[in-house]
PDB file of N, CA and C in Angstrom:
ATOM      1  N   MET A   1      59.953  75.747   4.835  1.00  0.00           N
ATOM      2  CA  MET A   1      59.430  77.037   5.262  1.00  0.00           C
ATOM      3  C   MET A   1      58.606  76.878   6.536  1.00  0.00           C
ATOM      4  N   TYR A   2      57.789  75.844   6.557  1.00  0.00           N
ATOM      5  CA  TYR A   2      56.908  75.587   7.693  1.00  0.00           C
ATOM      6  C   TYR A   2      57.725  75.382   8.962  1.00  0.00           C
ATOM      7  N   ARG A   3      58.779  74.598   8.854  1.00  0.00           N
ATOM      8  CA  ARG A   3      59.637  74.321  10.013  1.00  0.00           C
ATOM      9  C   ARG A   3      60.354  75.577  10.485  1.00  0.00           C
ATOM     10  N   TYR A   4      60.805  76.401   9.544  1.00  0.00           N
ATOM     11  CA  TYR A   4      61.497  77.632   9.900  1.00  0.00           C
ATOM     12  C   TYR A   4      60.573  78.588  10.641  1.00  0.00           C
ATOM     13  N   ALA A   5      59.338  78.660  10.203  1.00  0.00           N
ATOM     14  CA  ALA A   5      58.365  79.520  10.884  1.00  0.00           C
ATOM     15  C   ALA A   5      58.112  79.023  12.303  1.00  0.00           C
ATOM     16  N   LEU A   6      58.034  77.708  12.463  1.00  0.00           N
ATOM     17  CA  LEU A   6      57.815  77.137  13.791  1.00  0.00           C
ATOM     18  C   LEU A   6      58.997  77.437  14.710  1.00  0.00           C
ATOM     19  N   VAL A   7      60.196  77.275  14.200  1.00  0.00           N
ATOM     20  CA  VAL A   7      61.390  77.567  14.997  1.00  0.00           C
ATOM     21  C   VAL A   7      61.436  79.049  15.350  1.00  0.00           C
ATOM     22  N   ALA A   8      61.126  79.897  14.383  1.00  0.00           N
ATOM     23  CA  ALA A   8      61.121  81.338  14.644  1.00  0.00           C
ATOM     24  C   ALA A   8      60.069  81.706  15.679  1.00  0.00           C
ATOM     25  N   LEU A   9      58.925  81.061  15.596  1.00  0.00           N
ATOM     26  CA  LEU A   9      57.866  81.332  16.575  1.00  0.00           C
ATOM     27  C   LEU A   9      58.310  80.935  17.967  1.00  0.00           C
ATOM     28  N   LEU A  10      58.900  79.768  18.079  1.00  0.00           N
ATOM     29  CA  LEU A  10      59.345  79.321  19.397  1.00  0.00           C
ATOM     30  C   LEU A  10      60.431  80.235  19.955  1.00  0.00           C
ATOM     31  N   ALA A  11      61.272  80.744  19.089  1.00  0.00           N
ATOM     32  CA  ALA A  11      62.315  81.659  19.539  1.00  0.00           C
ATOM     33  C   ALA A  11      61.744  83.025  19.901  1.00  0.00           C
ATOM     34  N   ALA A  12      60.694  83.444  19.201  1.00  0.00           N
ATOM     35  CA  ALA A  12      60.107  84.766  19.437  1.00  0.00           C
ATOM     36  C   ALA A  12      59.241  84.801  20.683  1.00  0.00           C
ATOM     37  N   SER A  13      58.731  83.663  21.090  1.00  0.00           N
ATOM     38  CA  SER A  13      57.833  83.653  22.249  1.00  0.00           C
ATOM     39  C   SER A  13      58.204  82.508  23.184  1.00  0.00           C
ATOM     40  N   PRO A  14      59.187  82.735  24.044  1.00  0.00           N
ATOM     41  CA  PRO A  14      59.604  81.666  24.942  1.00  0.00           C
ATOM     42  C   PRO A  14      58.456  81.263  25.858  1.00  0.00           C
ATOM     43  N   LEU A  15      58.474  80.002  26.210  1.00  0.00           N
ATOM     44  CA  LEU A  15      57.424  79.480  27.072  1.00  0.00           C
ATOM     45  C   LEU A  15      57.516  80.086  28.463  1.00  0.00           C
ATOM     46  N   ALA A  16      56.389  80.500  28.967  1.00  0.00           N
ATOM     47  CA  ALA A  16      56.334  80.973  30.351  1.00  0.00           C
ATOM     48  C   ALA A  16      56.449  79.759  31.258  1.00  0.00           C
ATOM     49  N   ALA A  17      56.907  79.969  32.464  1.00  0.00           N
ATOM     50  CA  ALA A  17      57.136  78.860  33.392  1.00  0.00           C
ATOM     51  C   ALA A  17      55.860  78.056  33.620  1.00  0.00           C
ATOM     52  N   ALA A  18      54.727  78.719  33.671  1.00  0.00           N
ATOM     53  CA  ALA A  18      53.473  78.034  33.954  1.00  0.00           C
ATOM     54  C   ALA A  18      52.819  77.483  32.688  1.00  0.00           C
ATOM     55  N   GLU A  19      53.399  77.723  31.549  1.00  0.00           N
ATOM     56  CA  GLU A  19      52.811  77.311  30.282  1.00  0.00           C
ATOM     57  C   GLU A  19      53.407  75.980  29.827  1.00  0.00           C
ATOM     58  N   THR A  20      52.557  75.035  29.526  1.00  0.00           N
ATOM     59  CA  THR A  20      53.030  73.732  29.075  1.00  0.00           C
ATOM     60  C   THR A  20      53.239  73.751  27.568  1.00  0.00           C
ATOM     61  N   LYS A  21      53.907  72.727  27.082  1.00  0.00           N
ATOM     62  CA  LYS A  21      54.112  72.609  25.639  1.00  0.00           C
ATOM     63  C   LYS A  21      52.762  72.506  24.935  1.00  0.00           C
ATOM     64  N   GLN A  22      51.839  71.755  25.505  1.00  0.00           N
ATOM     65  CA  GLN A  22      50.503  71.617  24.920  1.00  0.00           C
ATOM     66  C   GLN A  22      49.825  72.978  24.804  1.00  0.00           C
ATOM     67  N   GLN A  23      49.911  73.794  25.849  1.00  0.00           N
ATOM     68  CA  GLN A  23      49.294  75.119  25.821  1.00  0.00           C
ATOM     69  C   GLN A  23      49.948  75.996  24.759  1.00  0.00           C
ATOM     70  N   SER A  24      51.271  75.973  24.721  1.00  0.00           N
ATOM     71  CA  SER A  24      51.996  76.774  23.748  1.00  0.00           C
ATOM     72  C   SER A  24      51.620  76.372  22.323  1.00  0.00           C
ATOM     73  N   CYS A  25      51.588  75.084  22.066  1.00  0.00           N
ATOM     74  CA  CYS A  25      51.232  74.610  20.733  1.00  0.00           C
ATOM     75  C   CYS A  25      49.796  74.982  20.387  1.00  0.00           C
ATOM     76  N   GLN A  26      48.914  74.944  21.374  1.00  0.00           N
ATOM     77  CA  GLN A  26      47.527  75.319  21.116  1.00  0.00           C
ATOM     78  C   GLN A  26      47.419  76.813  20.777  1.00  0.00           C
ATOM     79  N   TYR A  27      48.157  77.653  21.502  1.00  0.00           N
ATOM     80  CA  TYR A  27      48.162  79.081  21.187  1.00  0.00           C
ATOM     81  C   TYR A  27      48.676  79.316  19.767  1.00  0.00           C
ATOM     82  N   GLN A  28      49.741  78.596  19.404  1.00  0.00           N
ATOM     83  CA  GLN A  28      50.284  78.727  18.059  1.00  0.00           C
ATOM     84  C   GLN A  28      49.252  78.299  17.022  1.00  0.00           C
ATOM     85  N   ALA A  29      48.556  77.216  17.285  1.00  0.00           N
ATOM     86  CA  ALA A  29      47.516  76.748  16.369  1.00  0.00           C
ATOM     87  C   ALA A  29      46.385  77.773  16.267  1.00  0.00           C
ATOM     88  N   ASP A  30      46.081  78.435  17.381  1.00  0.00           N
ATOM     89  CA  ASP A  30      45.057  79.485  17.363  1.00  0.00           C
ATOM     90  C   ASP A  30      45.495  80.653  16.482  1.00  0.00           C
ATOM     91  N   VAL A  31      46.776  80.984  16.539  1.00  0.00           N
ATOM     92  CA  VAL A  31      47.313  82.047  15.681  1.00  0.00           C
ATOM     93  C   VAL A  31      47.164  81.646  14.215  1.00  0.00           C
ATOM     94  N   VAL A  32      47.506  80.405  13.899  1.00  0.00           N
ATOM     95  CA  VAL A  32      47.378  79.922  12.521  1.00  0.00           C
ATOM     96  C   VAL A  32      45.915  79.995  12.075  1.00  0.00           C
ATOM     97  N   ALA A  33      44.991  79.591  12.940  1.00  0.00           N
ATOM     98  CA  ALA A  33      43.568  79.632  12.594  1.00  0.00           C
ATOM     99  C   ALA A  33      43.109  81.069  12.328  1.00  0.00           C
ATOM    100  N   ALA A  34      43.598  82.005  13.119  1.00  0.00           N
ATOM    101  CA  ALA A  34      43.225  83.411  12.923  1.00  0.00           C
ATOM    102  C   ALA A  34      43.763  83.942  11.596  1.00  0.00           C
ATOM    103  N   ILE A  35      44.978  83.563  11.265  1.00  0.00           N
ATOM    104  CA  ILE A  35      45.561  83.988   9.986  1.00  0.00           C
ATOM    105  C   ILE A  35      44.809  83.335   8.829  1.00  0.00           C
ATOM    106  N   GLN A  36      44.465  82.070   8.983  1.00  0.00           N
ATOM    107  CA  GLN A  36      43.697  81.380   7.949  1.00  0.00           C
ATOM    108  C   GLN A  36      42.350  82.072   7.736  1.00  0.00           C
ATOM    109  N   GLN A  37      41.704  82.459   8.820  1.00  0.00           N
ATOM    110  CA  GLN A  37      40.424  83.152   8.695  1.00  0.00           C
ATOM    111  C   GLN A  37      40.600  84.507   8.010  1.00  0.00           C
ATOM    112  N   ALA A  38      41.689  85.191   8.325  1.00  0.00           N
ATOM    113  CA  ALA A  38      41.964  86.469   7.664  1.00  0.00           C
ATOM    114  C   ALA A  38      42.124  86.263   6.160  1.00  0.00           C
ATOM    115  N   ARG A  39      42.800  85.210   5.790  1.00  0.00           N
ATOM    116  CA  ARG A  39      42.964  84.915   4.360  1.00  0.00           C
ATOM    117  C   ARG A  39      41.621  84.616   3.725  1.00  0.00           C
ATOM    118  N   LEU A  40      40.803  83.845   4.398  1.00  0.00           N
ATOM    119  CA  LEU A  40      39.464  83.544   3.877  1.00  0.00           C
ATOM    120  C   LEU A  40      38.619  84.806   3.747  1.00  0.00           C
ATOM    121  N   ASP A  41      38.879  85.766   4.634  1.00  0.00           N
ATOM    122  CA  ASP A  41      38.164  87.042   4.592  1.00  0.00           C
ATOM    123  C   ASP A  41      38.771  88.018   3.593  1.00  0.00           C
ATOM    124  N   ARG A  42      39.768  87.542   2.834  1.00  0.00           N
ATOM    125  CA  ARG A  42      40.431  88.331   1.786  1.00  0.00           C
ATOM    126  C   ARG A  42      41.205  89.534   2.326  1.00  0.00           C
ATOM    127  N   VAL A  43      41.740  89.394   3.530  1.00  0.00           N
ATOM    128  CA  VAL A  43      42.597  90.435   4.104  1.00  0.00           C
ATOM    129  C   VAL A  43      43.942  90.358   3.396  1.00  0.00           C
ATOM    130  N   LYS A  44      44.490  91.491   3.019  1.00  0.00           N
ATOM    131  CA  LYS A  44      45.813  91.507   2.390  1.00  0.00           C
ATOM    132  C   LYS A  44      46.847  91.071   3.415  1.00  0.00           C
ATOM    133  N   GLU A  45      47.863  90.365   2.946  1.00  0.00           N
ATOM    134  CA  GLU A  45      48.873  89.804   3.855  1.00  0.00           C
ATOM    135  C   GLU A  45      49.496  90.872   4.746  1.00  0.00           C
ATOM    136  N   ARG A  46      49.768  92.033   4.204  1.00  0.00           N
ATOM    137  CA  ARG A  46      50.400  93.088   5.002  1.00  0.00           C
ATOM    138  C   ARG A  46      49.476  93.625   6.094  1.00  0.00           C
ATOM    139  N   ASP A  47      48.173  93.412   5.951  1.00  0.00           N
ATOM    140  CA  ASP A  47      47.198  93.899   6.923  1.00  0.00           C
ATOM    141  C   ASP A  47      46.789  92.853   7.954  1.00  0.00           C
ATOM    142  N   VAL A  48      47.348  91.659   7.859  1.00  0.00           N
ATOM    143  CA  VAL A  48      46.949  90.564   8.747  1.00  0.00           C
ATOM    144  C   VAL A  48      47.175  90.882  10.230  1.00  0.00           C
ATOM    145  N   PRO A  49      48.335  91.408  10.642  1.00  0.00           N
ATOM    146  CA  PRO A  49      48.497  91.668  12.085  1.00  0.00           C
ATOM    147  C   PRO A  49      47.401  92.566  12.657  1.00  0.00           C
ATOM    148  N   ALA A  50      47.036  93.607  11.937  1.00  0.00           N
ATOM    149  CA  ALA A  50      45.986  94.507  12.424  1.00  0.00           C
ATOM    150  C   ALA A  50      44.622  93.824  12.407  1.00  0.00           C
ATOM    151  N   ALA A  51      44.363  93.035  11.371  1.00  0.00           N
ATOM    152  CA  ALA A  51      43.076  92.344  11.276  1.00  0.00           C
ATOM    153  C   ALA A  51      42.914  91.320  12.397  1.00  0.00           C
ATOM    154  N   VAL A  52      43.980  90.599  12.695  1.00  0.00           N
ATOM    155  CA  VAL A  52      43.917  89.610  13.773  1.00  0.00           C
ATOM    156  C   VAL A  52      43.773  90.319  15.118  1.00  0.00           C
ATOM    157  N   ALA A  53      44.504  91.400  15.321  1.00  0.00           N
ATOM    158  CA  ALA A  53      44.404  92.153  16.579  1.00  0.00           C
ATOM    159  C   ALA A  53      42.992  92.683  16.792  1.00  0.00           C
ATOM    160  N   ALA A  54      42.311  93.031  15.714  1.00  0.00           N
ATOM    161  CA  ALA A  54      40.947  93.559  15.813  1.00  0.00           C
ATOM    162  C   ALA A  54      39.945  92.510  16.282  1.00  0.00           C
ATOM    163  N   THR A  55      40.328  91.235  16.223  1.00  0.00           N
ATOM    164  CA  THR A  55      39.428  90.168  16.664  1.00  0.00           C
ATOM    165  C   THR A  55      39.528  89.910  18.164  1.00  0.00           C
ATOM    166  N   SER A  56      40.381  90.666  18.855  1.00  0.00           N
ATOM    167  CA  SER A  56      40.605  90.486  20.300  1.00  0.00           C
ATOM    168  C   SER A  56      40.961  89.040  20.642  1.00  0.00           C
ATOM    169  N   PRO A  57      42.103  88.561  20.141  1.00  0.00           N
ATOM    170  CA  PRO A  57      42.476  87.169  20.377  1.00  0.00           C
ATOM    171  C   PRO A  57      42.704  86.886  21.863  1.00  0.00           C
ATOM    172  N   THR A  58      42.522  85.629  22.236  1.00  0.00           N
ATOM    173  CA  THR A  58      42.615  85.243  23.644  1.00  0.00           C
ATOM    174  C   THR A  58      43.985  84.700  24.033  1.00  0.00           C
ATOM    175  N   TRP A  59      44.892  84.554  23.090  1.00  0.00           N
ATOM    176  CA  TRP A  59      46.219  84.052  23.433  1.00  0.00           C
ATOM    177  C   TRP A  59      47.046  85.151  24.081  1.00  0.00           C
ATOM    178  N   PRO A  60      48.121  84.761  24.799  1.00  0.00           N
ATOM    179  CA  PRO A  60      49.005  85.771  25.410  1.00  0.00           C
ATOM    180  C   PRO A  60      49.594  86.697  24.343  1.00  0.00           C
ATOM    181  N   GLU A  61      49.804  87.929  24.723  1.00  0.00           N
ATOM    182  CA  GLU A  61      50.232  88.960  23.779  1.00  0.00           C
ATOM    183  C   GLU A  61      51.524  88.622  23.040  1.00  0.00           C
ATOM    184  N   ASN A  62      52.432  87.897  23.696  1.00  0.00           N
ATOM    185  CA  ASN A  62      53.710  87.596  23.039  1.00  0.00           C
ATOM    186  C   ASN A  62      53.539  86.722  21.791  1.00  0.00           C
ATOM    187  N   TYR A  63      52.416  86.054  21.636  1.00  0.00           N
ATOM    188  CA  TYR A  63      52.180  85.247  20.439  1.00  0.00           C
ATOM    189  C   TYR A  63      51.847  86.118  19.227  1.00  0.00           C
ATOM    190  N   ASN A  64      51.514  87.374  19.447  1.00  0.00           N
ATOM    191  CA  ASN A  64      51.268  88.283  18.326  1.00  0.00           C
ATOM    192  C   ASN A  64      52.516  88.480  17.477  1.00  0.00           C
ATOM    193  N   ALA A  65      53.685  88.319  18.092  1.00  0.00           N
ATOM    194  CA  ALA A  65      54.940  88.461  17.349  1.00  0.00           C
ATOM    195  C   ALA A  65      55.080  87.382  16.275  1.00  0.00           C
ATOM    196  N   ALA A  66      54.343  86.288  16.422  1.00  0.00           N
ATOM    197  CA  ALA A  66      54.435  85.195  15.454  1.00  0.00           C
ATOM    198  C   ALA A  66      53.596  85.453  14.208  1.00  0.00           C
ATOM    199  N   ILE A  67      52.662  86.366  14.267  1.00  0.00           N
ATOM    200  CA  ILE A  67      51.759  86.582  13.135  1.00  0.00           C
ATOM    201  C   ILE A  67      52.524  86.911  11.850  1.00  0.00           C
ATOM    202  N   PRO A  68      53.460  87.867  11.876  1.00  0.00           N
ATOM    203  CA  PRO A  68      54.189  88.149  10.621  1.00  0.00           C
ATOM    204  C   PRO A  68      55.088  86.992  10.177  1.00  0.00           C
ATOM    205  N   LEU A  69      55.421  86.101  11.089  1.00  0.00           N
ATOM    206  CA  LEU A  69      56.270  84.957  10.743  1.00  0.00           C
ATOM    207  C   LEU A  69      55.464  83.821  10.118  1.00  0.00           C
ATOM    208  N   ILE A  70      54.224  83.665  10.549  1.00  0.00           N
ATOM    209  CA  ILE A  70      53.386  82.561  10.071  1.00  0.00           C
ATOM    210  C   ILE A  70      52.552  82.969   8.859  1.00  0.00           C
ATOM    211  N   ALA A  71      52.174  84.227   8.768  1.00  0.00           N
ATOM    212  CA  ALA A  71      51.303  84.685   7.676  1.00  0.00           C
ATOM    213  C   ALA A  71      51.833  84.308   6.286  1.00  0.00           C
ATOM    214  N   PRO A  72      53.122  84.471   6.003  1.00  0.00           N
ATOM    215  CA  PRO A  72      53.591  84.096   4.658  1.00  0.00           C
ATOM    216  C   PRO A  72      53.332  82.623   4.339  1.00  0.00           C
ATOM    217  N   TRP A  73      53.468  81.756   5.325  1.00  0.00           N
ATOM    218  CA  TRP A  73      53.207  80.332   5.089  1.00  0.00           C
ATOM    219  C   TRP A  73      51.741  80.114   4.721  1.00  0.00           C
ATOM    220  N   VAL A  74      50.837  80.728   5.455  1.00  0.00           N
ATOM    221  CA  VAL A  74      49.401  80.572   5.167  1.00  0.00           C
ATOM    222  C   VAL A  74      49.083  81.159   3.792  1.00  0.00           C
ATOM    223  N   TYR A  75      49.645  82.307   3.484  1.00  0.00           N
ATOM    224  CA  TYR A  75      49.346  82.975   2.219  1.00  0.00           C
ATOM    225  C   TYR A  75      50.001  82.288   1.021  1.00  0.00           C
ATOM    226  N   GLN A  76      50.972  81.425   1.249  1.00  0.00           N
ATOM    227  CA  GLN A  76      51.576  80.662   0.152  1.00  0.00           C
ATOM    228  C   GLN A  76      50.738  79.436  -0.215  1.00  0.00           C
ATOM    229  N   GLN A  77      49.841  79.032   0.668  1.00  0.00           N
ATOM    230  CA  GLN A  77      48.997  77.873   0.399  1.00  0.00           C
ATOM    231  C   GLN A  77      47.984  78.216  -0.693  1.00  0.00           C
ATOM    232  N   LYS A  78      47.624  77.231  -1.457  1.00  0.00           N
ATOM    233  CA  LYS A  78      46.581  77.443  -2.461  1.00  0.00           C
ATOM    234  C   LYS A  78      45.280  77.737  -1.738  1.00  0.00           C
ATOM    235  N   MET A  79      44.483  78.621  -2.313  1.00  0.00           N
ATOM    236  CA  MET A  79      43.221  79.010  -1.690  1.00  0.00           C
ATOM    237  C   MET A  79      42.320  77.797  -1.467  1.00  0.00           C
ATOM    238  N   ARG A  80      42.379  76.855  -2.361  1.00  0.00           N
ATOM    239  CA  ARG A  80      41.604  75.612  -2.211  1.00  0.00           C
ATOM    240  C   ARG A  80      41.963  74.925  -0.895  1.00  0.00           C
ATOM    241  N   ASP A  81      43.256  74.863  -0.589  1.00  0.00           N
ATOM    242  CA  ASP A  81      43.700  74.235   0.646  1.00  0.00           C
ATOM    243  C   ASP A  81      43.324  75.066   1.865  1.00  0.00           C
ATOM    244  N   VAL A  82      43.395  76.379   1.727  1.00  0.00           N
ATOM    245  CA  VAL A  82      43.013  77.261   2.838  1.00  0.00           C
ATOM    246  C   VAL A  82      41.532  77.079   3.161  1.00  0.00           C
ATOM    247  N   ARG A  83      40.724  76.911   2.123  1.00  0.00           N
ATOM    248  CA  ARG A  83      39.277  76.702   2.346  1.00  0.00           C
ATOM    249  C   ARG A  83      38.977  75.320   2.905  1.00  0.00           C
ATOM    250  N   ASP A  84      39.680  74.298   2.411  1.00  0.00           N
ATOM    251  CA  ASP A  84      39.302  72.914   2.691  1.00  0.00           C
ATOM    252  C   ASP A  84      40.090  72.239   3.809  1.00  0.00           C
ATOM    253  N   GLN A  85      41.233  72.778   4.177  1.00  0.00           N
ATOM    254  CA  GLN A  85      42.091  72.130   5.172  1.00  0.00           C
ATOM    255  C   GLN A  85      42.080  72.901   6.482  1.00  0.00           C
ATOM    256  N   ASP A  86      42.273  72.191   7.563  1.00  0.00           N
ATOM    257  CA  ASP A  86      42.415  72.814   8.882  1.00  0.00           C
ATOM    258  C   ASP A  86      43.911  73.005   9.131  1.00  0.00           C
ATOM    259  N   LEU A  87      44.427  74.149   8.743  1.00  0.00           N
ATOM    260  CA  LEU A  87      45.858  74.406   8.872  1.00  0.00           C
ATOM    261  C   LEU A  87      46.291  74.440  10.326  1.00  0.00           C
ATOM    262  N   SER A  88      45.411  74.885  11.213  1.00  0.00           N
ATOM    263  CA  SER A  88      45.777  74.938  12.631  1.00  0.00           C
ATOM    264  C   SER A  88      45.973  73.539  13.199  1.00  0.00           C
ATOM    265  N   ALA A  89      45.191  72.570  12.756  1.00  0.00           N
ATOM    266  CA  ALA A  89      45.356  71.193  13.230  1.00  0.00           C
ATOM    267  C   ALA A  89      46.691  70.626  12.765  1.00  0.00           C
ATOM    268  N   ALA A  90      47.062  70.931  11.523  1.00  0.00           N
ATOM    269  CA  ALA A  90      48.353  70.481  11.009  1.00  0.00           C
ATOM    270  C   ALA A  90      49.488  71.113  11.804  1.00  0.00           C
ATOM    271  N   TRP A  91      49.350  72.409  12.107  1.00  0.00           N
ATOM    272  CA  TRP A  91      50.378  73.105  12.879  1.00  0.00           C
ATOM    273  C   TRP A  91      50.486  72.506  14.280  1.00  0.00           C
ATOM    274  N   LEU A  92      49.352  72.263  14.914  1.00  0.00           N
ATOM    275  CA  LEU A  92      49.336  71.685  16.255  1.00  0.00           C
ATOM    276  C   LEU A  92      50.025  70.329  16.279  1.00  0.00           C
ATOM    277  N   GLU A  93      49.713  69.496  15.312  1.00  0.00           N
ATOM    278  CA  GLU A  93      50.314  68.176  15.246  1.00  0.00           C
ATOM    279  C   GLU A  93      51.838  68.264  15.097  1.00  0.00           C
ATOM    280  N   LEU A  94      52.300  69.126  14.199  1.00  0.00           N
ATOM    281  CA  LEU A  94      53.740  69.275  14.000  1.00  0.00           C
ATOM    282  C   LEU A  94      54.401  69.861  15.246  1.00  0.00           C
ATOM    283  N   CYS A  95      53.777  70.838  15.857  1.00  0.00           N
ATOM    284  CA  CYS A  95      54.334  71.468  17.052  1.00  0.00           C
ATOM    285  C   CYS A  95      54.500  70.454  18.181  1.00  0.00           C
ATOM    286  N   LEU A  96      53.497  69.631  18.383  1.00  0.00           N
ATOM    287  CA  LEU A  96      53.558  68.653  19.468  1.00  0.00           C
ATOM    288  C   LEU A  96      54.636  67.585  19.226  1.00  0.00           C
ATOM    289  N   LYS A  97      54.978  67.379  17.957  1.00  0.00           N
ATOM    290  CA  LYS A  97      56.028  66.402  17.625  1.00  0.00           C
ATOM    291  C   LYS A  97      57.431  66.964  17.823  1.00  0.00           C
ATOM    292  N   GLN A  98      57.544  68.286  17.931  1.00  0.00           N
ATOM    293  CA  GLN A  98      58.858  68.923  18.076  1.00  0.00           C
ATOM    294  C   GLN A  98      59.422  68.702  19.454  1.00  0.00           C
TER     295      GLN A  98
END
């Protein structure tokens, strides 16, 4: 599931010419962190895109398309893992290996 979400994200938001792989992966990790925070804040999964948008994220707008693709992965994690693990770091590491 994790790999499919990553592939879907990359397909949904092609890299801009001036954007490096490192930058793209960092933006993706930022999206994961925002979704993780929404989960910690007890936001319902269906409300995550609006909740994240309300935080005025700093990533390029095209990364917002990834929120509905990544949210199910974050919401499938056990709450213990969401509280104790840095999911964005795991995402960043996997993204950079792709």
